[in-house]
Amino acid sequence: TPSAKEYSDGPQGIINIITNHSTQKGLGGAVDLSYGTGEKYNAMLSLNYRSDKVNVWGSYAFFQNKSLLEGLIEKTDIKDNPSLSRQMVDGYYLGNSHDIKYGVDYDISSSTSLSYSGATRIIWRESDMNIQSDTYTDLSESRTTSGYKSNALSSSHMTFVTNALHFHHAFD
């Protein structure tokens, strides 16, 4: 499909974002803290130091989320053999992540730079789900014909590491 640049009624557009990094010397940083109900936390710290030609930067972010799960599903079959099925679910999901980003930029000239950046992300997740299911052939729920209980507990841990070398040159 044509872009919005060529046709004003085109469904897509062209985005041209030009970013400039600050060349002011010194130390800079930011801190961000937030929380929510039920064990939801976020924290972030970022720092950078710039000299004449070198910029060193890094950041750390922590995120945690706990969600409680609760539900009830009821189904009534009225054709042929009337029955009622009821399934109750409860449990929780808990997860957190640690994100570490770091790098150094070296300005070779006003139009050329060389940079290294890296990132490490550590993720941990756990969930616990309890399920109780009952089926009644008598719609008055006086006699259970089948039922089961189950519990599913899962946990995972993942670590991701990335590294990159960047060369940038702005042509006249």
Protein backbone atom coordinates (compact mmCIF):
# COMPACT_ATOMS: atom_id res chain seq x y z
CA THR A 1 0.00 0.00 0.00
CA PRO A 2 1.25 3.50 -0.68
CA SER A 3 2.60 5.54 2.18
CA ALA A 4 1.11 8.76 3.49
CA LYS A 5 4.12 10.60 2.06
CA GLU A 6 3.06 9.83 -1.52
CA TYR A 7 -0.70 9.82 -0.98
CA SER A 8 -2.44 11.86 1.68
CA ASP A 9 -5.14 9.23 2.16
CA GLY A 10 -2.66 6.35 2.51
CA PRO A 11 -3.18 4.01 5.48
CA GLN A 12 0.46 4.14 6.56
CA GLY A 13 2.84 6.94 7.39
CA ILE A 14 6.55 7.62 7.32
CA ILE A 15 8.19 8.44 10.61
CA ASN A 16 11.57 10.12 10.62
CA ILE A 17 12.84 10.50 14.17
CA ILE A 18 16.18 12.22 14.53
CA THR A 19 17.73 11.97 17.97
CA ASN A 20 20.54 14.12 19.30
CA HIS A 21 22.44 13.19 22.41
CA SER A 22 23.47 15.87 24.84
CA THR A 23 27.07 17.03 24.71
CA GLN A 24 27.00 18.78 28.10
CA LYS A 25 29.79 17.58 30.38
CA GLY A 26 29.18 16.19 33.85
CA LEU A 27 27.13 13.68 35.77
CA GLY A 28 23.43 13.07 35.14
CA GLY A 29 20.90 10.64 36.44
CA ALA A 30 17.31 9.76 37.15
CA VAL A 31 15.41 7.70 39.73
CA ASP A 32 11.89 6.37 39.26
CA LEU A 33 9.91 4.44 41.90
CA SER A 34 6.33 3.21 41.68
CA TYR A 35 4.09 0.68 43.35
CA GLY A 36 0.65 -0.79 42.95
CA THR A 37 -1.75 -2.87 44.95
CA GLY A 38 -0.95 -6.51 45.57
CA GLU A 39 2.86 -6.63 45.45
CA LYS A 40 3.43 -4.62 42.28
CA TYR A 41 6.71 -2.68 42.36
CA ASN A 42 8.93 -0.83 39.88
CA ALA A 43 12.27 0.85 40.51
CA MET A 44 14.71 2.37 38.03
CA LEU A 45 18.04 4.15 38.37
CA SER A 46 20.02 5.55 35.45
CA LEU A 47 23.33 7.41 35.50
CA ASN A 48 25.69 8.83 32.94
CA TYR A 49 28.93 10.76 32.99
CA ARG A 50 30.17 12.75 30.00
CA SER A 51 33.60 14.27 29.46
CA ASP A 52 34.82 16.01 26.29
CA LYS A 53 34.73 12.92 24.06
CA VAL A 54 33.51 10.05 26.26
CA ASN A 55 30.06 9.28 27.68
CA VAL A 56 29.67 6.37 30.12
CA TRP A 57 26.14 5.34 31.03
CA GLY A 58 24.25 2.61 32.84
CA SER A 59 20.83 1.80 34.20
CA TYR A 60 19.16 -0.73 36.47
CA ALA A 61 15.44 -1.48 36.55
CA PHE A 62 13.48 -3.85 38.79
CA PHE A 63 9.89 -4.94 38.19
CA GLN A 64 7.67 -7.22 40.26
CA ASN A 65 4.04 -8.18 39.72
CA LYS A 66 1.81 -10.49 41.74
CA SER A 67 -1.65 -11.28 40.44
CA LEU A 68 -4.25 -13.31 42.32
CA LEU A 69 -6.39 -15.63 40.22
CA GLU A 70 -9.94 -16.56 41.12
CA GLY A 71 -12.82 -17.74 38.98
CA LEU A 72 -15.93 -19.86 38.68
CA ILE A 73 -17.24 -21.51 35.52
CA GLU A 74 -20.67 -23.15 35.45
CA LYS A 75 -22.15 -25.00 32.52
CA THR A 76 -25.57 -26.62 32.30
CA ASP A 77 -26.34 -29.25 29.66
CA ILE A 78 -30.08 -29.69 29.19
CA LYS A 79 -30.18 -31.87 26.07
CA ASP A 80 -30.44 -35.68 26.44
CA ASN A 81 -28.84 -36.18 29.89
CA PRO A 82 -29.19 -32.97 31.95
CA SER A 83 -26.07 -32.19 33.95
CA LEU A 84 -24.34 -29.30 35.67
CA SER A 85 -20.57 -28.75 35.64
CA ARG A 86 -18.87 -26.39 38.04
CA GLN A 87 -15.17 -25.52 37.97
CA MET A 88 -13.54 -23.31 40.61
CA VAL A 89 -10.07 -21.87 40.06
CA ASP A 90 -7.79 -19.96 42.40
CA GLY A 91 -4.10 -19.27 42.65
CA TYR A 92 -1.50 -16.64 41.88
CA TYR A 93 1.13 -15.50 39.41
CA LEU A 94 4.32 -13.86 40.68
CA GLY A 95 7.07 -12.57 38.45
CA ASN A 96 9.99 -10.20 38.59
CA SER A 97 12.77 -8.98 36.36
CA HIS A 98 16.10 -7.23 36.74
CA ASP A 99 17.27 -5.21 33.71
CA ILE A 100 20.82 -3.89 33.60
CA LYS A 101 21.96 -1.75 30.64
CA TYR A 102 25.37 -0.18 30.19
CA GLY A 103 27.56 1.40 27.60
CA VAL A 104 30.25 3.83 26.57
CA ASP A 105 30.25 6.28 23.65
CA TYR A 106 33.43 7.76 22.18
CA ASP A 107 33.20 10.80 19.90
CA ILE A 108 35.98 10.41 17.35
CA SER A 109 34.97 13.71 15.74
CA SER A 110 31.89 15.93 15.62
CA SER A 111 30.35 13.65 12.97
CA THR A 112 31.75 10.22 13.92
CA SER A 113 31.34 8.12 17.05
CA LEU A 114 32.05 4.60 18.24
CA SER A 115 29.91 3.01 20.96
CA TYR A 116 29.61 -0.19 22.92
CA SER A 117 26.41 -1.20 24.68
CA GLY A 118 25.30 -4.24 26.60
CA ALA A 119 22.27 -5.46 28.48
CA THR A 120 21.45 -8.24 30.91
CA ARG A 121 17.90 -9.26 31.78
CA ILE A 122 17.14 -11.76 34.54
CA ILE A 123 13.54 -12.99 34.75
CA TRP A 124 11.93 -15.19 37.37
CA ARG A 125 8.31 -16.39 37.29
CA GLU A 126 6.19 -18.61 39.50
CA SER A 127 2.55 -19.58 39.36
CA ASP A 128 0.32 -21.79 41.48
CA MET A 129 -3.11 -22.80 40.20
CA ASN A 130 -5.70 -24.85 42.09
CA ILE A 131 -8.63 -26.30 40.17
CA GLN A 132 -11.69 -28.09 41.59
CA SER A 133 -14.18 -29.50 39.09
CA ASP A 134 -17.49 -31.23 39.88
CA THR A 135 -20.22 -32.61 37.65
CA TYR A 136 -23.77 -33.21 38.82
CA THR A 137 -26.29 -35.33 36.90
CA ASP A 138 -28.98 -34.00 39.18
CA LEU A 139 -29.50 -30.29 38.51
CA SER A 140 -30.42 -29.79 42.18
CA GLU A 141 -26.71 -30.47 42.94
CA SER A 142 -27.53 -33.17 45.46
CA ARG A 143 -25.43 -35.91 43.84
CA THR A 144 -21.93 -35.53 42.36
CA THR A 145 -21.24 -37.94 39.51
CA SER A 146 -17.63 -37.01 38.94
CA GLY A 147 -15.07 -34.57 40.19
CA TYR A 148 -11.39 -33.88 40.46
CA LYS A 149 -8.93 -31.57 42.14
CA SER A 150 -5.64 -30.53 40.65
CA ASN A 151 -2.78 -28.27 41.56
CA ALA A 152 -0.26 -26.91 39.07
CA LEU A 153 2.87 -25.22 40.35
CA SER A 154 5.39 -23.87 37.86
CA SER A 155 8.55 -21.84 38.11
CA SER A 156 11.01 -20.55 35.52
CA HIS A 157 14.24 -18.59 35.51
CA MET A 158 15.75 -17.00 32.40
CA THR A 159 18.81 -14.85 31.76
CA PHE A 160 19.43 -12.91 28.53
CA VAL A 161 22.65 -11.07 27.68
CA THR A 162 23.22 -8.85 24.63
CA ASN A 163 26.27 -6.90 23.49
CA ALA A 164 26.68 -4.53 20.56
CA LEU A 165 29.31 -2.37 18.93
CA HIS A 166 28.03 0.69 17.05
CA PHE A 167 29.76 2.93 14.54
CA HIS A 168 28.00 6.15 13.53
CA HIS A 169 29.06 8.65 10.90
CA ALA A 170 26.94 11.59 9.70
CA PHE A 171 27.73 12.41 6.10
CA ASP A 172 27.49 16.00 4.81
